[in-house]
N, C-alpha and C. Protein backbone atom coordinates (compact mmCIF):
# COMPACT_ATOMS: atom_id res chain seq x y z
N MET A 1 77.37 -27.78 40.06
CA MET A 1 78.35 -27.65 38.87
C MET A 1 78.92 -26.74 39.37
N HIS A 2 79.05 -25.38 40.54
CA HIS A 2 80.14 -24.91 40.77
C HIS A 2 81.21 -25.68 41.62
N ALA A 3 80.53 -26.59 42.75
CA ALA A 3 81.25 -27.19 43.36
C ALA A 3 82.03 -28.25 41.91
N LYS A 4 81.79 -28.37 41.30
CA LYS A 4 82.85 -29.12 40.30
C LYS A 4 82.91 -29.42 38.71
N PRO A 5 83.64 -27.86 38.57
CA PRO A 5 83.45 -27.31 37.38
C PRO A 5 83.81 -28.29 36.39
N ASP A 6 84.82 -29.02 36.49
CA ASP A 6 85.42 -30.21 35.28
C ASP A 6 84.61 -31.30 35.15
N LEU A 7 83.76 -31.40 36.14
CA LEU A 7 82.56 -32.63 35.72
C LEU A 7 82.41 -33.08 34.05
N THR A 8 82.13 -33.93 33.76
CA THR A 8 81.93 -34.30 31.97
C THR A 8 80.48 -34.88 32.45
N LEU A 9 79.86 -34.33 31.01
CA LEU A 9 78.55 -34.44 30.87
C LEU A 9 78.14 -36.08 31.42
N ASP A 10 78.83 -36.78 31.62
CA ASP A 10 78.25 -38.27 31.68
C ASP A 10 78.52 -38.57 33.12
N ASP A 11 79.43 -37.86 33.33
CA ASP A 11 79.66 -38.31 34.96
C ASP A 11 78.59 -37.06 36.03
N LEU A 12 77.96 -35.86 35.49
CA LEU A 12 76.83 -35.08 35.53
C LEU A 12 75.36 -36.24 35.62
N VAL A 13 75.41 -37.20 34.83
CA VAL A 13 74.12 -37.73 34.52
C VAL A 13 73.83 -39.09 35.72
N LEU A 14 75.40 -39.61 35.69
CA LEU A 14 75.38 -40.72 36.84
C LEU A 14 75.46 -39.88 38.22
N GLU A 15 75.66 -38.62 38.52
CA GLU A 15 75.58 -38.08 39.77
C GLU A 15 74.03 -37.75 40.10
N ILE A 16 73.76 -37.06 38.56
CA ILE A 16 72.12 -37.34 38.92
C ILE A 16 70.84 -37.96 39.49
N ALA A 17 71.28 -39.14 38.93
CA ALA A 17 70.38 -40.60 38.50
C ALA A 17 70.93 -41.13 39.89
N ALA A 18 72.04 -41.25 40.46
CA ALA A 18 72.67 -41.50 42.04
C ALA A 18 71.91 -40.97 43.24
N GLU A 19 71.54 -39.53 42.62
CA GLU A 19 70.99 -38.77 43.86
C GLU A 19 69.52 -38.59 43.92
N HIS A 20 69.05 -38.64 42.68
CA HIS A 20 67.21 -38.68 42.89
C HIS A 20 66.76 -40.20 42.31
N GLN A 21 67.50 -41.22 42.29
CA GLN A 21 67.27 -42.96 42.09
C GLN A 21 66.61 -42.99 41.03
N MET A 22 66.82 -42.57 40.01
CA MET A 22 65.91 -42.61 38.60
C MET A 22 67.23 -42.52 37.41
N THR A 23 66.22 -43.39 36.29
CA THR A 23 67.42 -43.06 35.01
C THR A 23 67.03 -41.54 34.28
N ILE A 24 68.18 -41.24 34.10
CA ILE A 24 68.13 -40.07 33.11
C ILE A 24 68.74 -40.36 31.88
N HIS A 25 68.67 -39.45 30.77
CA HIS A 25 69.12 -39.54 29.95
C HIS A 25 70.17 -38.58 29.40
N ARG A 26 71.54 -39.15 28.94
CA ARG A 26 72.51 -37.88 28.95
C ARG A 26 71.97 -36.60 27.70
N VAL A 27 71.08 -36.86 26.62
CA VAL A 27 70.80 -35.69 25.98
C VAL A 27 69.22 -34.84 26.76
N SER A 28 68.98 -35.39 27.84
CA SER A 28 68.11 -34.93 28.70
C SER A 28 68.83 -33.64 29.68
N VAL A 29 69.77 -34.18 29.96
CA VAL A 29 70.71 -33.39 30.60
C VAL A 29 71.38 -31.87 29.38
N TRP A 30 71.51 -32.40 28.81
CA TRP A 30 72.34 -31.34 27.71
C TRP A 30 71.53 -30.73 27.07
N ARG A 31 70.16 -31.06 26.97
CA ARG A 31 68.95 -30.23 26.69
C ARG A 31 68.57 -28.81 28.08
N ALA A 32 69.09 -29.56 29.16
CA ALA A 32 68.22 -29.10 30.35
C ALA A 32 70.13 -27.95 30.19
N LEU A 33 70.94 -28.24 30.10
CA LEU A 33 72.22 -27.43 30.29
C LEU A 33 72.13 -26.09 29.04
N ARG A 34 71.60 -26.65 28.33
CA ARG A 34 71.41 -25.73 27.19
C ARG A 34 70.48 -24.47 27.31
N SER A 35 69.56 -25.03 27.33
CA SER A 35 67.95 -24.43 28.22
C SER A 35 68.99 -23.31 29.07
N LEU A 36 69.71 -23.34 29.84
CA LEU A 36 70.09 -22.67 30.73
C LEU A 36 71.17 -21.56 30.89
N GLY A 37 72.03 -22.15 29.27
CA GLY A 37 72.50 -20.91 28.46
C GLY A 37 74.08 -21.46 28.76
N LEU A 38 74.09 -22.59 29.65
CA LEU A 38 75.19 -22.96 29.93
C LEU A 38 75.98 -23.77 28.83
N THR A 39 76.96 -24.04 28.62
CA THR A 39 77.93 -23.89 27.27
C THR A 39 79.35 -25.41 27.74
N HIS A 40 79.52 -26.09 26.83
CA HIS A 40 80.54 -27.02 27.25
C HIS A 40 81.94 -26.73 27.03
N LYS A 41 83.06 -27.10 27.24
CA LYS A 41 84.36 -26.91 27.55
C LYS A 41 85.07 -28.13 26.45
N LYS A 42 85.46 -27.70 25.44
CA LYS A 42 85.79 -28.98 24.87
C LYS A 42 87.34 -29.35 25.33
N ALA A 43 87.63 -30.59 25.14
CA ALA A 43 88.34 -31.43 25.45
C ALA A 43 90.04 -31.13 25.17
N LEU A 44 90.82 -30.91 26.28
CA LEU A 44 92.16 -30.47 25.41
C LEU A 44 92.51 -31.71 24.21
N GLN A 45 93.43 -31.47 22.98
CA GLN A 45 94.06 -32.35 22.10
C GLN A 45 95.41 -32.67 22.73
N ALA A 46 96.04 -34.17 23.28
CA ALA A 46 97.36 -34.21 23.08
C ALA A 46 97.99 -34.00 21.88
């Protein structure tokens, strides 16, 4: 995540799934990030 700080949750899920050749659910990644104390960046509204 340090290498790609603008990565969205969906993109992170895809990267993890591809790297580890497994199915992973979005909510599982969200929970893991939250448990590590990582917050989300709100999208800019145009």
